[in-house]
Amino acid sequence: MFEAELLKQLTYTSGSTLFADTTSRAGNWCHIKIITNTVFNTLTDATRDGTVSLAGVTFPANYDLYGNFTTIKLDSGSAIAYKK
């Protein structure tokens, strides 16, 4: 079972969500690819330790974020988030 889940995540067969506006969305994403310089208003990672917020940080184009993202809202920019 673990191998099947890993293959699914690595090949992104569960789909993706394009973020290019400031709408808050809830879901279950494992990878975010930054398309243009992006600032997050909200970026919730269920597996992240600590209280340091990534909100307000500018991520450059072509940057990759990995985790268990459950809420995403942009202030600016665009990104594509791949579903688990």
Protein backbone atom coordinates (compact mmCIF):
# COMPACT_ATOMS: atom_id res chain seq x y z
CA MET A 1 0.00 0.00 0.00
CA PHE A 2 2.80 2.43 0.86
CA GLU A 3 4.42 1.97 -2.56
CA ALA A 4 1.15 2.69 -4.37
CA GLU A 5 0.59 5.89 -2.37
CA LEU A 6 4.17 7.04 -2.98
CA LEU A 7 3.91 6.39 -6.72
CA LYS A 8 0.63 8.33 -6.81
CA GLN A 9 2.29 11.32 -5.11
CA LEU A 10 5.39 11.21 -7.31
CA THR A 11 3.38 11.14 -10.53
CA TYR A 12 0.69 13.61 -9.39
CA THR A 13 -2.13 11.43 -10.68
CA SER A 14 -4.54 12.96 -8.13
CA GLY A 15 -4.60 16.27 -9.98
CA SER A 16 -3.63 19.82 -9.17
CA THR A 17 -5.02 23.24 -8.31
CA LEU A 18 -3.89 26.47 -9.94
CA PHE A 19 -3.63 29.47 -7.60
CA ALA A 20 -3.61 32.83 -9.38
CA ASP A 21 -5.95 34.88 -7.19
CA THR A 22 -6.55 35.59 -3.50
CA THR A 23 -9.26 32.97 -2.90
CA SER A 24 -8.61 30.78 0.15
CA ARG A 25 -8.85 27.07 -0.62
CA ALA A 26 -8.81 24.00 1.59
CA GLY A 27 -7.54 20.66 0.35
CA ASN A 28 -4.74 18.17 0.65
CA TRP A 29 -1.66 19.01 -1.41
CA CYS A 30 1.85 17.54 -1.22
CA HIS A 31 3.85 19.83 -3.56
CA ILE A 32 3.60 23.48 -4.54
CA LYS A 33 5.44 24.76 -7.61
CA ILE A 34 5.81 28.55 -7.68
CA ILE A 35 5.07 29.89 -11.18
CA THR A 36 5.70 33.62 -10.65
CA ASN A 37 7.11 35.35 -7.56
CA THR A 38 4.51 34.52 -4.91
CA VAL A 39 3.55 35.76 -1.46
CA PHE A 40 1.24 33.60 0.66
CA ASN A 41 -1.37 35.09 2.94
CA THR A 42 -2.03 31.65 4.45
CA LEU A 43 -0.04 28.46 3.99
CA THR A 44 -0.95 25.70 6.44
CA ASP A 45 1.30 22.62 6.53
CA ALA A 46 -0.16 19.91 8.79
CA THR A 47 3.25 18.21 9.20
CA ARG A 48 5.28 21.31 10.04
CA ASP A 49 6.77 21.71 13.51
CA GLY A 50 7.06 25.09 15.15
CA THR A 51 5.19 28.35 14.96
CA VAL A 52 7.17 30.24 12.30
CA SER A 53 4.77 31.50 9.64
CA LEU A 54 5.59 31.49 5.94
CA ALA A 55 2.93 34.16 5.33
CA GLY A 56 4.43 37.32 3.88
CA VAL A 57 7.56 35.57 2.59
CA THR A 58 8.26 36.07 -1.13
CA PHE A 59 8.99 32.79 -2.90
CA PRO A 60 10.76 33.16 -6.27
CA ALA A 61 9.50 31.67 -9.53
CA ASN A 62 10.38 27.97 -10.00
CA TYR A 63 10.66 27.38 -6.24
CA ASP A 64 9.31 24.07 -4.90
CA LEU A 65 7.62 23.51 -1.53
CA TYR A 66 6.88 20.03 -0.17
CA GLY A 67 4.66 19.12 2.77
CA ASN A 68 1.09 18.32 3.72
CA PHE A 69 -0.63 21.58 2.81
CA THR A 70 -4.25 21.91 3.89
CA THR A 71 -5.02 25.62 3.39
CA ILE A 72 -3.56 27.93 0.74
CA LYS A 73 -4.31 31.59 0.11
CA LEU A 74 -2.12 33.94 -1.92
CA ASP A 75 -1.51 37.65 -1.48
CA SER A 76 0.14 37.82 -4.90
CA GLY A 77 1.72 35.70 -7.60
CA SER A 78 0.76 32.29 -8.96
CA ALA A 79 1.46 28.68 -8.08
CA ILE A 80 0.27 25.19 -8.85
CA ALA A 81 -0.41 22.79 -5.98
CA TYR A 82 -0.37 19.03 -6.59
CA LYS A 83 -2.92 16.93 -4.72
CA LYS A 84 -2.00 13.96 -2.54
